[in-house]
Amino acid sequence: MKKILTLTLFLAAGVAPLFGAKEARILIVTDEDTFTGWMMDATKSKFLWRETQETLVKREQSLLSCSVYFLQAPEFTEALELYKSRNYRDAAPKFAACAEEYDKLIEVKGNPATMASFYEMECYRRLEDLEKLSELAAKFAPDNLLYKFQKKQYEIYGVFWDAVRTKSWNRLDAICRDEKWRGAKLPGNLRGQIAYCHGLALEGAGQPVKALNAYNNAFVADFAASEEITRKSALNCLRIILDHEDVKTAMGLYSTEDYSDDSNGAALIKEATALLKLWDKVLGSGESVPSKYKIFLKYPPKNR
């Protein structure tokens, strides 16, 4: 290999305690070359690595003289496949185990431990196990995440989801209305989370009709990004509509001359019916909508 790095070689006996550490496959990029290796240990300023797992020669390298990229660890890949399959309950402990195995590398940006811990939190966020999410977020250091949206997601944990956890509805409503968040440029899944949390806040504050608008915003913003937000928003809309007094009145008048397709209750029934159809086509993924919501199908518009 070309002498392109400033390296310090160690005798095997001098680093024997590190042999038990979990090593990560890495790509090292310098101004002159690119090559792979195995990282064994790291601090904020340097890391210990070797060219192959068989060699006894260890090298110490400054993080200022190169860029390091982690290749996906097999443990992380296994957990990520479960995550992508929406099997969050089984994925979470595997991410936790991966984070523990690569803990010695946590000081380097994009390391497997930090990434695994982030996805572990995402599992509990998607499961809405907010107590566990709060516990994990309290001890998580986001500085070594790779992407801005991941750091923003971590911020949303503490601002929005923790307010949901503590049922701080009025405070959460005020936060959602704050221009800092209303005007922020965010990807759809983050915008959808905020809208969904706002819907929960408005419901919790006794404003279910306003919550419908928030859930609809979540539905639109997050439709292709996060299925659970879309499904929960749709089900919450159906629940609110079914409990609405104007809807109950419209249902009661449906078989009489006093019924009007132009009434607020009839309009809400149309909205619920459209959600049911969308559920069957896209949202349900083969799962039937709760049977109590199928009652809307009994009240089609009279004047088509």
C-alpha atoms as a PDB file:
ATOM      1  CA  MET A   1       0.000   0.000   0.000  1.00  0.00           C
ATOM      2  CA  LYS A   2       1.255   3.481  -0.789  1.00  0.00           C
ATOM      3  CA  LYS A   3       2.536   5.510   2.128  1.00  0.00           C
ATOM      4  CA  ILE A   4      -0.343   7.954   1.933  1.00  0.00           C
ATOM      5  CA  LEU A   5      -1.296   8.068   5.613  1.00  0.00           C
ATOM      6  CA  THR A   6       0.638   9.113   8.659  1.00  0.00           C
ATOM      7  CA  LEU A   7       0.534   5.809  10.505  1.00  0.00           C
ATOM      8  CA  THR A   8       1.770   4.603  13.851  1.00  0.00           C
ATOM      9  CA  LEU A   9       2.351   0.848  13.986  1.00  0.00           C
ATOM     10  CA  PHE A  10       1.805  -1.068  17.187  1.00  0.00           C
ATOM     11  CA  LEU A  11       3.008  -4.493  18.274  1.00  0.00           C
ATOM     12  CA  ALA A  12       0.164  -6.945  18.815  1.00  0.00           C
ATOM     13  CA  ALA A  13       0.950  -7.218  22.509  1.00  0.00           C
ATOM     14  CA  GLY A  14       0.441  -3.488  22.912  1.00  0.00           C
ATOM     15  CA  VAL A  15      -3.195  -3.634  21.778  1.00  0.00           C
ATOM     16  CA  ALA A  16      -4.184  -7.101  22.923  1.00  0.00           C
ATOM     17  CA  PRO A  17      -7.188  -5.865  24.973  1.00  0.00           C
ATOM     18  CA  LEU A  18      -8.811  -4.609  21.761  1.00  0.00           C
ATOM     19  CA  PHE A  19      -9.004  -8.051  20.175  1.00  0.00           C
ATOM     20  CA  GLY A  20     -12.290  -8.675  21.974  1.00  0.00           C
ATOM     21  CA  ALA A  21     -13.888  -5.507  20.575  1.00  0.00           C
ATOM     22  CA  LYS A  22     -16.376  -5.647  17.703  1.00  0.00           C
ATOM     23  CA  GLU A  23     -14.693  -4.314  14.569  1.00  0.00           C
ATOM     24  CA  ALA A  24     -16.484  -2.408  11.820  1.00  0.00           C
ATOM     25  CA  ARG A  25     -15.747  -2.579   8.126  1.00  0.00           C
ATOM     26  CA  ILE A  26     -14.779   0.903   6.909  1.00  0.00           C
ATOM     27  CA  LEU A  27     -13.895   2.810   3.773  1.00  0.00           C
ATOM     28  CA  ILE A  28     -11.024   5.270   4.239  1.00  0.00           C
ATOM     29  CA  VAL A  29     -10.732   8.152   1.778  1.00  0.00           C
ATOM     30  CA  THR A  30      -7.722  10.444   1.488  1.00  0.00           C
ATOM     31  CA  ASP A  31      -6.687  12.987  -1.123  1.00  0.00           C
ATOM     32  CA  GLU A  32      -4.561  10.344  -2.829  1.00  0.00           C
ATOM     33  CA  ASP A  33      -6.397   7.045  -2.436  1.00  0.00           C
ATOM     34  CA  THR A  34      -9.371   5.056  -1.197  1.00  0.00           C
ATOM     35  CA  PHE A  35      -9.162   1.695   0.572  1.00  0.00           C
ATOM     36  CA  THR A  36     -10.933  -0.474   3.119  1.00  0.00           C
ATOM     37  CA  GLY A  37     -10.058  -1.674   6.591  1.00  0.00           C
ATOM     38  CA  TRP A  38     -11.437  -2.644   9.984  1.00  0.00           C
ATOM     39  CA  MET A  39     -11.939  -0.071  12.752  1.00  0.00           C
ATOM     40  CA  MET A  40     -11.297  -1.371  16.259  1.00  0.00           C
ATOM     41  CA  ASP A  41     -11.518   1.656  18.539  1.00  0.00           C
ATOM     42  CA  ALA A  42     -11.955   5.412  18.232  1.00  0.00           C
ATOM     43  CA  THR A  43     -11.909   8.766  19.978  1.00  0.00           C
ATOM     44  CA  LYS A  44     -13.086  12.136  18.689  1.00  0.00           C
ATOM     45  CA  SER A  45      -9.716  12.781  17.034  1.00  0.00           C
ATOM     46  CA  LYS A  46      -8.312   9.396  15.937  1.00  0.00           C
ATOM     47  CA  PHE A  47      -9.073   5.744  15.435  1.00  0.00           C
ATOM     48  CA  LEU A  48      -7.337   2.393  15.611  1.00  0.00           C
ATOM     49  CA  TRP A  49      -7.682   0.094  12.610  1.00  0.00           C
ATOM     50  CA  ARG A  50      -6.098  -2.734  10.657  1.00  0.00           C
ATOM     51  CA  GLU A  51      -6.093  -3.610   6.989  1.00  0.00           C
ATOM     52  CA  THR A  52      -7.525  -7.108   7.475  1.00  0.00           C
ATOM     53  CA  GLN A  53      -8.985  -8.991  10.395  1.00  0.00           C
ATOM     54  CA  GLU A  54      -6.164 -11.525  10.119  1.00  0.00           C
ATOM     55  CA  THR A  55      -3.241  -9.135  10.493  1.00  0.00           C
ATOM     56  CA  LEU A  56      -1.666  -8.373  13.867  1.00  0.00           C
ATOM     57  CA  VAL A  57      -0.530  -4.943  12.724  1.00  0.00           C
ATOM     58  CA  LYS A  58      -2.646  -2.106  14.094  1.00  0.00           C
ATOM     59  CA  ARG A  59      -2.583   1.448  12.781  1.00  0.00           C
ATOM     60  CA  GLU A  60      -3.543   4.678  14.493  1.00  0.00           C
ATOM     61  CA  GLN A  61      -4.989   7.333  12.199  1.00  0.00           C
ATOM     62  CA  SER A  62      -6.049  10.933  12.745  1.00  0.00           C
ATOM     63  CA  LEU A  63      -9.633  11.690  11.721  1.00  0.00           C
ATOM     64  CA  LEU A  64      -8.424  15.062  10.429  1.00  0.00           C
ATOM     65  CA  SER A  65      -6.335  13.496   7.664  1.00  0.00           C
ATOM     66  CA  CYS A  66      -9.037  11.353   6.043  1.00  0.00           C
ATOM     67  CA  SER A  67     -12.752  10.707   5.682  1.00  0.00           C
ATOM     68  CA  VAL A  68     -14.196   7.487   7.083  1.00  0.00           C
ATOM     69  CA  TYR A  69     -17.360   5.765   5.888  1.00  0.00           C
ATOM     70  CA  PHE A  70     -18.832   2.735   7.626  1.00  0.00           C
ATOM     71  CA  LEU A  71     -19.997  -0.187   5.532  1.00  0.00           C
ATOM     72  CA  GLN A  72     -23.238  -1.641   6.818  1.00  0.00           C
ATOM     73  CA  ALA A  73     -22.641  -4.135   9.608  1.00  0.00           C
ATOM     74  CA  PRO A  74     -24.426  -7.509   9.186  1.00  0.00           C
ATOM     75  CA  GLU A  75     -26.152  -7.065  12.560  1.00  0.00           C
ATOM     76  CA  PHE A  76     -27.472  -3.699  11.445  1.00  0.00           C
ATOM     77  CA  THR A  77     -28.632  -5.118   8.100  1.00  0.00           C
ATOM     78  CA  GLU A  78     -30.601  -7.844   9.872  1.00  0.00           C
ATOM     79  CA  ALA A  79     -32.350  -5.317  12.119  1.00  0.00           C
ATOM     80  CA  LEU A  80     -32.995  -2.940   9.224  1.00  0.00           C
ATOM     81  CA  GLU A  81     -34.743  -5.651   7.201  1.00  0.00           C
ATOM     82  CA  LEU A  82     -37.162  -6.188  10.085  1.00  0.00           C
ATOM     83  CA  TYR A  83     -37.639  -2.427  10.337  1.00  0.00           C
ATOM     84  CA  LYS A  84     -38.412  -2.097   6.633  1.00  0.00           C
ATOM     85  CA  SER A  85     -40.942  -4.921   7.034  1.00  0.00           C
ATOM     86  CA  ARG A  86     -42.615  -2.822   9.775  1.00  0.00           C
ATOM     87  CA  ASN A  87     -41.729  -5.461  12.358  1.00  0.00           C
ATOM     88  CA  TYR A  88     -40.679  -2.805  14.843  1.00  0.00           C
ATOM     89  CA  ARG A  89     -41.042  -4.940  17.963  1.00  0.00           C
ATOM     90  CA  ASP A  90     -38.485  -7.476  16.755  1.00  0.00           C
ATOM     91  CA  ALA A  91     -36.239  -4.873  15.148  1.00  0.00           C
ATOM     92  CA  ALA A  92     -35.836  -2.718  18.269  1.00  0.00           C
ATOM     93  CA  PRO A  93     -33.881  -5.213  20.436  1.00  0.00           C
ATOM     94  CA  LYS A  94     -31.657  -6.104  17.473  1.00  0.00           C
ATOM     95  CA  PHE A  95     -30.793  -2.446  16.967  1.00  0.00           C
ATOM     96  CA  ALA A  96     -30.070  -2.203  20.703  1.00  0.00           C
ATOM     97  CA  ALA A  97     -27.724  -5.200  20.542  1.00  0.00           C
ATOM     98  CA  CYS A  98     -25.954  -3.711  17.497  1.00  0.00           C
ATOM     99  CA  ALA A  99     -25.454  -0.412  19.316  1.00  0.00           C
ATOM    100  CA  GLU A 100     -23.917  -2.208  22.274  1.00  0.00           C
ATOM    101  CA  GLU A 101     -21.574  -4.276  20.101  1.00  0.00           C
ATOM    102  CA  TYR A 102     -20.104  -1.233  18.343  1.00  0.00           C
ATOM    103  CA  ASP A 103     -20.101   1.089  21.337  1.00  0.00           C
ATOM    104  CA  LYS A 104     -16.305   1.650  21.140  1.00  0.00           C
ATOM    105  CA  LEU A 105     -16.771   3.467  17.826  1.00  0.00           C
ATOM    106  CA  ILE A 106     -19.444   5.896  18.966  1.00  0.00           C
ATOM    107  CA  GLU A 107     -17.233   8.987  18.661  1.00  0.00           C
ATOM    108  CA  VAL A 108     -17.031   8.763  14.841  1.00  0.00           C
ATOM    109  CA  LYS A 109     -19.728  10.280  12.616  1.00  0.00           C
ATOM    110  CA  GLY A 110     -22.046   7.689  11.091  1.00  0.00           C
ATOM    111  CA  ASN A 111     -20.799   4.872  13.309  1.00  0.00           C
ATOM    112  CA  PRO A 112     -22.937   1.699  13.640  1.00  0.00           C
ATOM    113  CA  ALA A 113     -23.700   2.280  17.322  1.00  0.00           C
ATOM    114  CA  THR A 114     -25.160   5.750  16.785  1.00  0.00           C
ATOM    115  CA  MET A 115     -27.122   4.695  13.707  1.00  0.00           C
ATOM    116  CA  ALA A 116     -28.508   1.604  15.445  1.00  0.00           C
ATOM    117  CA  SER A 117     -29.570   3.646  18.481  1.00  0.00           C
ATOM    118  CA  PHE A 118     -31.339   6.119  16.213  1.00  0.00           C
ATOM    119  CA  TYR A 119     -33.319   3.361  14.505  1.00  0.00           C
ATOM    120  CA  GLU A 120     -34.112   1.792  17.859  1.00  0.00           C
ATOM    121  CA  MET A 121     -35.737   5.092  18.846  1.00  0.00           C
ATOM    122  CA  GLU A 122     -37.573   5.165  15.531  1.00  0.00           C
ATOM    123  CA  CYS A 123     -39.016   1.727  16.287  1.00  0.00           C
ATOM    124  CA  TYR A 124     -40.496   2.935  19.571  1.00  0.00           C
ATOM    125  CA  ARG A 125     -41.682   6.185  17.990  1.00  0.00           C
ATOM    126  CA  ARG A 126     -43.572   4.226  15.341  1.00  0.00           C
ATOM    127  CA  LEU A 127     -44.990   1.929  18.017  1.00  0.00           C
ATOM    128  CA  GLU A 128     -45.903   5.043  20.051  1.00  0.00           C
ATOM    129  CA  ASP A 129     -44.151   3.585  23.087  1.00  0.00           C
ATOM    130  CA  LEU A 130     -43.338   7.110  24.203  1.00  0.00           C
ATOM    131  CA  GLU A 131     -42.011   6.178  27.642  1.00  0.00           C
ATOM    132  CA  LYS A 132     -39.336   3.988  26.068  1.00  0.00           C
ATOM    133  CA  LEU A 133     -38.638   6.630  23.433  1.00  0.00           C
ATOM    134  CA  SER A 134     -38.140   9.259  26.133  1.00  0.00           C
ATOM    135  CA  GLU A 135     -35.801   6.955  28.051  1.00  0.00           C
ATOM    136  CA  LEU A 136     -33.641   6.297  24.983  1.00  0.00           C
ATOM    137  CA  ALA A 137     -33.643   9.910  23.762  1.00  0.00           C
ATOM    138  CA  ALA A 138     -32.440  11.163  27.155  1.00  0.00           C
ATOM    139  CA  LYS A 139     -29.143   9.296  26.816  1.00  0.00           C
ATOM    140  CA  PHE A 140     -28.665   9.637  23.061  1.00  0.00           C
ATOM    141  CA  ALA A 141     -25.984  11.921  21.571  1.00  0.00           C
ATOM    142  CA  PRO A 142     -27.130  13.109  18.111  1.00  0.00           C
ATOM    143  CA  ASP A 143     -23.910  14.854  17.011  1.00  0.00           C
ATOM    144  CA  ASN A 144     -22.589  11.832  15.108  1.00  0.00           C
ATOM    145  CA  LEU A 145     -25.732  11.184  13.093  1.00  0.00           C
ATOM    146  CA  LEU A 146     -25.080  11.414   9.370  1.00  0.00           C
ATOM    147  CA  TYR A 147     -27.966  13.515   8.105  1.00  0.00           C
ATOM    148  CA  LYS A 148     -29.711  16.756   9.042  1.00  0.00           C
ATOM    149  CA  PHE A 149     -33.163  15.173   8.879  1.00  0.00           C
ATOM    150  CA  GLN A 150     -32.075  12.593  11.485  1.00  0.00           C
ATOM    151  CA  LYS A 151     -30.961  15.353  13.837  1.00  0.00           C
ATOM    152  CA  LYS A 152     -34.230  17.174  13.214  1.00  0.00           C
ATOM    153  CA  GLN A 153     -36.109  13.932  13.944  1.00  0.00           C
ATOM    154  CA  TYR A 154     -34.283  13.727  17.272  1.00  0.00           C
ATOM    155  CA  GLU A 155     -35.338  17.315  18.021  1.00  0.00           C
ATOM    156  CA  ILE A 156     -38.947  16.409  17.226  1.00  0.00           C
ATOM    157  CA  TYR A 157     -38.776  13.583  19.772  1.00  0.00           C
ATOM    158  CA  GLY A 158     -38.072  16.046  22.562  1.00  0.00           C
ATOM    159  CA  VAL A 159     -40.397  18.832  21.425  1.00  0.00           C
ATOM    160  CA  PHE A 160     -43.485  17.113  20.041  1.00  0.00           C
ATOM    161  CA  TRP A 161     -43.548  13.467  21.047  1.00  0.00           C
ATOM    162  CA  ASP A 162     -42.546  14.206  24.625  1.00  0.00           C
ATOM    163  CA  ALA A 163     -45.417  16.700  24.860  1.00  0.00           C
ATOM    164  CA  VAL A 164     -47.731  13.917  23.645  1.00  0.00           C
ATOM    165  CA  ARG A 165     -46.220  11.620  26.262  1.00  0.00           C
ATOM    166  CA  THR A 166     -46.949  14.096  29.072  1.00  0.00           C
ATOM    167  CA  LYS A 167     -50.332  15.080  27.558  1.00  0.00           C
ATOM    168  CA  SER A 168     -49.307  18.750  27.571  1.00  0.00           C
ATOM    169  CA  TRP A 169     -52.038  19.559  25.051  1.00  0.00           C
ATOM    170  CA  ASN A 170     -52.235  23.345  25.298  1.00  0.00           C
ATOM    171  CA  ARG A 171     -48.463  23.710  25.212  1.00  0.00           C
ATOM    172  CA  LEU A 172     -48.234  21.334  22.255  1.00  0.00           C
ATOM    173  CA  ASP A 173     -50.938  23.265  20.393  1.00  0.00           C
ATOM    174  CA  ALA A 174     -48.942  26.468  20.897  1.00  0.00           C
ATOM    175  CA  ILE A 175     -45.730  24.803  19.697  1.00  0.00           C
ATOM    176  CA  CYS A 176     -47.443  23.509  16.546  1.00  0.00           C
ATOM    177  CA  ARG A 177     -48.671  27.025  15.776  1.00  0.00           C
ATOM    178  CA  ASP A 178     -45.233  28.568  16.333  1.00  0.00           C
ATOM    179  CA  GLU A 179     -43.801  29.995  13.107  1.00  0.00           C
ATOM    180  CA  LYS A 180     -40.493  28.274  13.861  1.00  0.00           C
ATOM    181  CA  TRP A 181     -42.176  24.988  13.002  1.00  0.00           C
ATOM    182  CA  ARG A 182     -45.001  26.138  10.712  1.00  0.00           C
ATOM    183  CA  GLY A 183     -42.522  27.819   8.382  1.00  0.00           C
ATOM    184  CA  ALA A 184     -39.752  25.252   8.645  1.00  0.00           C
ATOM    185  CA  LYS A 185     -38.701  23.342   5.537  1.00  0.00           C
ATOM    186  CA  LEU A 186     -39.134  19.716   6.534  1.00  0.00           C
ATOM    187  CA  PRO A 187     -39.462  16.420   4.659  1.00  0.00           C
ATOM    188  CA  GLY A 188     -42.931  14.903   4.468  1.00  0.00           C
ATOM    189  CA  ASN A 189     -42.497  12.343   7.240  1.00  0.00           C
ATOM    190  CA  LEU A 190     -41.419  15.014   9.763  1.00  0.00           C
ATOM    191  CA  ARG A 191     -44.146  17.419   8.673  1.00  0.00           C
ATOM    192  CA  GLY A 192     -46.649  14.567   8.967  1.00  0.00           C
ATOM    193  CA  GLN A 193     -45.526  13.787  12.515  1.00  0.00           C
ATOM    194  CA  ILE A 194     -45.998  17.399  13.585  1.00  0.00           C
ATOM    195  CA  ALA A 195     -49.475  17.548  12.047  1.00  0.00           C
ATOM    196  CA  TYR A 196     -50.428  14.251  13.686  1.00  0.00           C
ATOM    197  CA  CYS A 197     -49.195  15.464  17.089  1.00  0.00           C
ATOM    198  CA  HIS A 198     -51.170  18.670  16.544  1.00  0.00           C
ATOM    199  CA  GLY A 199     -54.288  16.591  15.926  1.00  0.00           C
ATOM    200  CA  LEU A 200     -53.718  14.755  19.191  1.00  0.00           C
ATOM    201  CA  ALA A 201     -53.220  18.091  20.977  1.00  0.00           C
ATOM    202  CA  LEU A 202     -56.440  19.564  19.595  1.00  0.00           C
ATOM    203  CA  GLU A 203     -58.394  16.455  20.536  1.00  0.00           C
ATOM    204  CA  GLY A 204     -56.852  16.495  23.991  1.00  0.00           C
ATOM    205  CA  ALA A 205     -57.814  20.168  24.350  1.00  0.00           C
ATOM    206  CA  GLY A 206     -61.427  19.393  23.437  1.00  0.00           C
ATOM    207  CA  GLN A 207     -61.368  20.664  19.835  1.00  0.00           C
ATOM    208  CA  PRO A 208     -62.077  17.527  17.766  1.00  0.00           C
ATOM    209  CA  VAL A 209     -63.360  19.386  14.671  1.00  0.00           C
ATOM    210  CA  LYS A 210     -60.128  21.382  14.412  1.00  0.00           C
ATOM    211  CA  ALA A 211     -58.263  18.121  14.977  1.00  0.00           C
ATOM    212  CA  LEU A 212     -59.811  16.808  11.729  1.00  0.00           C
ATOM    213  CA  ASN A 213     -57.918  19.454   9.773  1.00  0.00           C
ATOM    214  CA  ALA A 214     -54.653  18.585  11.523  1.00  0.00           C
ATOM    215  CA  TYR A 215     -55.088  14.879  10.831  1.00  0.00           C
ATOM    216  CA  ASN A 216     -55.882  15.658   7.200  1.00  0.00           C
ATOM    217  CA  ASN A 217     -52.650  17.660   7.021  1.00  0.00           C
ATOM    218  CA  ALA A 218     -50.790  14.669   8.452  1.00  0.00           C
ATOM    219  CA  PHE A 219     -52.474  12.428   5.920  1.00  0.00           C
ATOM    220  CA  VAL A 220     -51.424  14.606   2.977  1.00  0.00           C
ATOM    221  CA  ALA A 221     -47.884  15.344   4.181  1.00  0.00           C
ATOM    222  CA  ASP A 222     -46.987  11.789   5.137  1.00  0.00           C
ATOM    223  CA  PHE A 223     -48.954   9.662   2.702  1.00  0.00           C
ATOM    224  CA  ALA A 224     -45.949   8.042   1.018  1.00  0.00           C
ATOM    225  CA  ALA A 225     -43.475   8.385   3.868  1.00  0.00           C
ATOM    226  CA  SER A 226     -44.832   6.694   6.963  1.00  0.00           C
ATOM    227  CA  GLU A 227     -47.765   4.334   6.782  1.00  0.00           C
ATOM    228  CA  GLU A 228     -48.524   4.251  10.500  1.00  0.00           C
ATOM    229  CA  ILE A 229     -49.044   8.030  10.674  1.00  0.00           C
ATOM    230  CA  THR A 230     -51.384   7.888   7.688  1.00  0.00           C
ATOM    231  CA  ARG A 231     -53.365   4.960   9.088  1.00  0.00           C
ATOM    232  CA  LYS A 232     -53.669   6.456  12.571  1.00  0.00           C
ATOM    233  CA  SER A 233     -54.705   9.821  11.143  1.00  0.00           C
ATOM    234  CA  ALA A 234     -57.379   8.166   8.996  1.00  0.00           C
ATOM    235  CA  LEU A 235     -58.744   6.121  11.905  1.00  0.00           C
ATOM    236  CA  ASN A 236     -58.777   9.158  14.179  1.00  0.00           C
ATOM    237  CA  CYS A 237     -60.727  11.084  11.518  1.00  0.00           C
ATOM    238  CA  LEU A 238     -63.262   8.267  11.264  1.00  0.00           C
ATOM    239  CA  ARG A 239     -63.651   8.185  15.039  1.00  0.00           C
ATOM    240  CA  ILE A 240     -64.162  11.947  15.293  1.00  0.00           C
ATOM    241  CA  ILE A 241     -66.692  11.958  12.451  1.00  0.00           C
ATOM    242  CA  LEU A 242     -68.652   9.065  13.939  1.00  0.00           C
ATOM    243  CA  ASP A 243     -68.894  10.907  17.273  1.00  0.00           C
ATOM    244  CA  HIS A 244     -69.885  14.231  15.701  1.00  0.00           C
ATOM    245  CA  GLU A 245     -73.392  15.419  16.664  1.00  0.00           C
ATOM    246  CA  ASP A 246     -74.153  16.657  13.141  1.00  0.00           C
ATOM    247  CA  VAL A 247     -73.348  13.209  11.776  1.00  0.00           C
ATOM    248  CA  LYS A 248     -75.621  11.531  14.308  1.00  0.00           C
ATOM    249  CA  THR A 249     -78.374  13.958  13.341  1.00  0.00           C
ATOM    250  CA  ALA A 250     -77.873  13.300   9.619  1.00  0.00           C
ATOM    251  CA  MET A 251     -77.996   9.550  10.188  1.00  0.00           C
ATOM    252  CA  GLY A 252     -81.213   9.935  12.170  1.00  0.00           C
ATOM    253  CA  LEU A 253     -82.840  12.012   9.424  1.00  0.00           C
ATOM    254  CA  TYR A 254     -81.558   9.957   6.501  1.00  0.00           C
ATOM    255  CA  SER A 255     -84.845   8.143   5.831  1.00  0.00           C
ATOM    256  CA  THR A 256     -86.940  11.303   6.198  1.00  0.00           C
ATOM    257  CA  GLU A 257     -87.686  14.312   3.995  1.00  0.00           C
ATOM    258  CA  ASP A 258     -85.692  16.518   6.368  1.00  0.00           C
ATOM    259  CA  TYR A 259     -82.405  14.950   5.329  1.00  0.00           C
ATOM    260  CA  SER A 260     -80.183  17.147   3.143  1.00  0.00           C
ATOM    261  CA  ASP A 261     -77.053  16.225   1.237  1.00  0.00           C
ATOM    262  CA  ASP A 262     -75.916  19.803   1.810  1.00  0.00           C
ATOM    263  CA  SER A 263     -75.882  19.550   5.613  1.00  0.00           C
ATOM    264  CA  ASN A 264     -72.641  19.521   7.591  1.00  0.00           C
ATOM    265  CA  GLY A 265     -73.406  16.016   8.839  1.00  0.00           C
ATOM    266  CA  ALA A 266     -73.883  14.709   5.292  1.00  0.00           C
ATOM    267  CA  ALA A 267     -70.620  16.336   4.184  1.00  0.00           C
ATOM    268  CA  LEU A 268     -68.749  14.645   7.021  1.00  0.00           C
ATOM    269  CA  ILE A 269     -70.294  11.286   6.083  1.00  0.00           C
ATOM    270  CA  LYS A 270     -69.050  11.773   2.508  1.00  0.00           C
ATOM    271  CA  GLU A 271     -65.571  12.471   3.850  1.00  0.00           C
ATOM    272  CA  ALA A 272     -65.679   9.330   5.990  1.00  0.00           C
ATOM    273  CA  THR A 273     -66.895   7.248   3.037  1.00  0.00           C
ATOM    274  CA  ALA A 274     -63.986   8.503   0.927  1.00  0.00           C
ATOM    275  CA  LEU A 275     -61.573   7.499   3.690  1.00  0.00           C
ATOM    276  CA  LEU A 276     -63.098   4.032   3.807  1.00  0.00           C
ATOM    277  CA  LYS A 277     -62.604   3.589   0.074  1.00  0.00           C
ATOM    278  CA  LEU A 278     -59.012   4.778   0.351  1.00  0.00           C
ATOM    279  CA  TRP A 279     -58.469   2.362   3.212  1.00  0.00           C
ATOM    280  CA  ASP A 280     -59.634  -0.549   1.059  1.00  0.00           C
ATOM    281  CA  LYS A 281     -57.453   0.505  -1.884  1.00  0.00           C
ATOM    282  CA  VAL A 282     -54.259   1.615  -0.147  1.00  0.00           C
ATOM    283  CA  LEU A 283     -54.184   2.152   3.586  1.00  0.00           C
ATOM    284  CA  GLY A 284     -55.420  -1.160   4.894  1.00  0.00           C
ATOM    285  CA  SER A 285     -52.752  -3.319   3.230  1.00  0.00           C
ATOM    286  CA  GLY A 286     -55.300  -6.125   3.198  1.00  0.00           C
ATOM    287  CA  GLU A 287     -56.509  -5.444   6.746  1.00  0.00           C
ATOM    288  CA  SER A 288     -60.180  -4.607   7.129  1.00  0.00           C
ATOM    289  CA  VAL A 289     -61.162  -1.282   8.672  1.00  0.00           C
ATOM    290  CA  PRO A 290     -62.801  -1.642  12.132  1.00  0.00           C
ATOM    291  CA  SER A 291     -66.375  -2.748  11.506  1.00  0.00           C
ATOM    292  CA  LYS A 292     -67.971   0.128  13.442  1.00  0.00           C
ATOM    293  CA  TYR A 293     -66.812   2.558  10.744  1.00  0.00           C
ATOM    294  CA  LYS A 294     -68.505   0.645   7.932  1.00  0.00           C
ATOM    295  CA  ILE A 295     -71.791   2.199   9.071  1.00  0.00           C
ATOM    296  CA  PHE A 296     -70.967   5.240   6.912  1.00  0.00           C
ATOM    297  CA  LEU A 297     -71.534   3.117   3.805  1.00  0.00           C
ATOM    298  CA  LYS A 298     -75.240   2.904   4.709  1.00  0.00           C
ATOM    299  CA  TYR A 299     -75.670   6.628   4.059  1.00  0.00           C
ATOM    300  CA  PRO A 300     -74.701   7.389   0.435  1.00  0.00           C
ATOM    301  CA  PRO A 301     -75.699  10.800  -1.030  1.00  0.00           C
ATOM    302  CA  LYS A 302     -79.331  10.800  -2.129  1.00  0.00           C
ATOM    303  CA  ASN A 303     -78.900  13.360  -4.913  1.00  0.00           C
ATOM    304  CA  ARG A 304     -75.990  12.124  -6.994  1.00  0.00           C
END
